[in-house]
Amino acid sequence: MSPASVSSAPTEVHQAASIFALKKSQDLQAQSVATLLNSVATPPAASNPLHLGANVDVRA
Protein backbone atom coordinates (compact mmCIF):
# COMPACT_ATOMS: atom_id res chain seq x y z
CA MET A 1 0.00 0.00 0.00
CA SER A 2 1.39 3.40 -0.92
CA PRO A 3 1.66 6.20 1.64
CA ALA A 4 -0.71 8.36 -0.45
CA SER A 5 -3.50 5.77 -0.31
CA VAL A 6 -3.06 5.35 3.44
CA SER A 7 -3.30 9.09 4.10
CA SER A 8 -6.42 9.47 1.90
CA ALA A 9 -8.31 6.64 3.61
CA PRO A 10 -9.38 8.71 6.65
CA THR A 11 -10.53 11.49 4.32
CA GLU A 12 -12.65 9.07 2.31
CA VAL A 13 -14.20 7.64 5.47
CA HIS A 14 -14.92 11.15 6.74
CA GLN A 15 -16.55 12.12 3.43
CA ALA A 16 -18.67 8.97 3.41
CA ALA A 17 -19.78 9.60 6.98
CA SER A 18 -20.61 13.22 6.15
CA ILE A 19 -22.69 12.19 3.14
CA PHE A 20 -24.51 9.59 5.22
CA ALA A 21 -25.28 12.18 7.92
CA LEU A 22 -26.50 14.66 5.32
CA LYS A 23 -28.83 12.11 3.71
CA LYS A 24 -30.16 11.06 7.12
CA SER A 25 -30.80 14.70 8.01
CA GLN A 26 -32.64 15.26 4.72
CA ASP A 27 -34.79 12.17 5.32
CA LEU A 28 -35.74 13.39 8.79
CA GLN A 29 -36.60 16.84 7.44
CA ALA A 30 -38.76 15.31 4.70
CA GLN A 31 -40.63 13.26 7.29
CA SER A 32 -41.15 16.34 9.47
CA VAL A 33 -42.49 18.37 6.55
CA ALA A 34 -44.81 15.56 5.49
CA THR A 35 -46.16 15.27 9.04
CA LEU A 36 -46.65 19.03 9.23
CA LEU A 37 -48.45 19.19 5.90
CA ASN A 38 -50.70 16.28 6.82
CA SER A 39 -51.64 17.96 10.09
CA VAL A 40 -52.90 21.12 8.40
CA ALA A 41 -56.67 20.95 8.17
CA THR A 42 -58.33 22.02 4.96
CA PRO A 43 -60.76 24.89 5.45
CA PRO A 44 -64.43 23.98 5.23
CA ALA A 45 -66.25 24.89 2.04
CA ALA A 46 -68.28 28.09 2.27
CA SER A 47 -71.99 27.48 2.58
CA ASN A 48 -72.95 31.06 1.71
CA PRO A 49 -74.94 31.94 -1.41
CA LEU A 50 -72.78 32.81 -4.44
CA HIS A 51 -73.72 36.53 -4.39
CA LEU A 52 -72.84 36.99 -0.74
CA GLY A 53 -69.36 38.46 -0.30
CA ALA A 54 -68.80 38.95 -4.04
CA ASN A 55 -68.66 42.77 -3.68
CA VAL A 56 -66.90 44.56 -0.86
CA ASP A 57 -67.43 48.28 -0.22
CA VAL A 58 -64.01 49.66 0.69
CA ARG A 59 -65.19 53.26 1.24
CA ALA A 60 -66.19 54.20 4.74
C-alpha atoms as a PDB file:
ATOM      1  CA  MET A   1       0.000   0.000   0.000  1.00  0.00           C
ATOM      2  CA  SER A   2       1.392   3.399  -0.922  1.00  0.00           C
ATOM      3  CA  PRO A   3       1.663   6.199   1.637  1.00  0.00           C
ATOM      4  CA  ALA A   4      -0.714   8.357  -0.454  1.00  0.00           C
ATOM      5  CA  SER A   5      -3.500   5.767  -0.308  1.00  0.00           C
ATOM      6  CA  VAL A   6      -3.059   5.354   3.438  1.00  0.00           C
ATOM      7  CA  SER A   7      -3.304   9.093   4.097  1.00  0.00           C
ATOM      8  CA  SER A   8      -6.419   9.475   1.902  1.00  0.00           C
ATOM      9  CA  ALA A   9      -8.305   6.642   3.612  1.00  0.00           C
ATOM     10  CA  PRO A  10      -9.381   8.710   6.649  1.00  0.00           C
ATOM     11  CA  THR A  11     -10.530  11.492   4.323  1.00  0.00           C
ATOM     12  CA  GLU A  12     -12.654   9.071   2.308  1.00  0.00           C
ATOM     13  CA  VAL A  13     -14.198   7.644   5.470  1.00  0.00           C
ATOM     14  CA  HIS A  14     -14.917  11.147   6.742  1.00  0.00           C
ATOM     15  CA  GLN A  15     -16.550  12.120   3.431  1.00  0.00           C
ATOM     16  CA  ALA A  16     -18.667   8.967   3.405  1.00  0.00           C
ATOM     17  CA  ALA A  17     -19.785   9.603   6.980  1.00  0.00           C
ATOM     18  CA  SER A  18     -20.607  13.223   6.151  1.00  0.00           C
ATOM     19  CA  ILE A  19     -22.686  12.192   3.145  1.00  0.00           C
ATOM     20  CA  PHE A  20     -24.509   9.591   5.224  1.00  0.00           C
ATOM     21  CA  ALA A  21     -25.281  12.179   7.918  1.00  0.00           C
ATOM     22  CA  LEU A  22     -26.496  14.656   5.317  1.00  0.00           C
ATOM     23  CA  LYS A  23     -28.830  12.111   3.715  1.00  0.00           C
ATOM     24  CA  LYS A  24     -30.157  11.057   7.117  1.00  0.00           C
ATOM     25  CA  SER A  25     -30.805  14.696   8.009  1.00  0.00           C
ATOM     26  CA  GLN A  26     -32.645  15.260   4.723  1.00  0.00           C
ATOM     27  CA  ASP A  27     -34.793  12.168   5.317  1.00  0.00           C
ATOM     28  CA  LEU A  28     -35.739  13.394   8.795  1.00  0.00           C
ATOM     29  CA  GLN A  29     -36.601  16.844   7.441  1.00  0.00           C
ATOM     30  CA  ALA A  30     -38.756  15.315   4.699  1.00  0.00           C
ATOM     31  CA  GLN A  31     -40.632  13.264   7.289  1.00  0.00           C
ATOM     32  CA  SER A  32     -41.155  16.341   9.469  1.00  0.00           C
ATOM     33  CA  VAL A  33     -42.489  18.372   6.547  1.00  0.00           C
ATOM     34  CA  ALA A  34     -44.814  15.560   5.486  1.00  0.00           C
ATOM     35  CA  THR A  35     -46.157  15.274   9.042  1.00  0.00           C
ATOM     36  CA  LEU A  36     -46.654  19.035   9.233  1.00  0.00           C
ATOM     37  CA  LEU A  37     -48.445  19.193   5.895  1.00  0.00           C
ATOM     38  CA  ASN A  38     -50.699  16.282   6.820  1.00  0.00           C
ATOM     39  CA  SER A  39     -51.644  17.963  10.094  1.00  0.00           C
ATOM     40  CA  VAL A  40     -52.899  21.118   8.397  1.00  0.00           C
ATOM     41  CA  ALA A  41     -56.673  20.949   8.168  1.00  0.00           C
ATOM     42  CA  THR A  42     -58.335  22.021   4.960  1.00  0.00           C
ATOM     43  CA  PRO A  43     -60.761  24.892   5.454  1.00  0.00           C
ATOM     44  CA  PRO A  44     -64.433  23.981   5.226  1.00  0.00           C
ATOM     45  CA  ALA A  45     -66.249  24.891   2.044  1.00  0.00           C
ATOM     46  CA  ALA A  46     -68.281  28.086   2.271  1.00  0.00           C
ATOM     47  CA  SER A  47     -71.991  27.476   2.578  1.00  0.00           C
ATOM     48  CA  ASN A  48     -72.947  31.061   1.713  1.00  0.00           C
ATOM     49  CA  PRO A  49     -74.942  31.940  -1.410  1.00  0.00           C
ATOM     50  CA  LEU A  50     -72.781  32.813  -4.439  1.00  0.00           C
ATOM     51  CA  HIS A  51     -73.723  36.527  -4.391  1.00  0.00           C
ATOM     52  CA  LEU A  52     -72.842  36.990  -0.739  1.00  0.00           C
ATOM     53  CA  GLY A  53     -69.359  38.461  -0.302  1.00  0.00           C
ATOM     54  CA  ALA A  54     -68.800  38.952  -4.039  1.00  0.00           C
ATOM     55  CA  ASN A  55     -68.662  42.768  -3.678  1.00  0.00           C
ATOM     56  CA  VAL A  56     -66.903  44.558  -0.863  1.00  0.00           C
ATOM     57  CA  ASP A  57     -67.434  48.275  -0.221  1.00  0.00           C
ATOM     58  CA  VAL A  58     -64.014  49.660   0.691  1.00  0.00           C
ATOM     59  CA  ARG A  59     -65.186  53.260   1.240  1.00  0.00           C
ATOM     60  CA  ALA A  60     -66.187  54.205   4.737  1.00  0.00           C
END
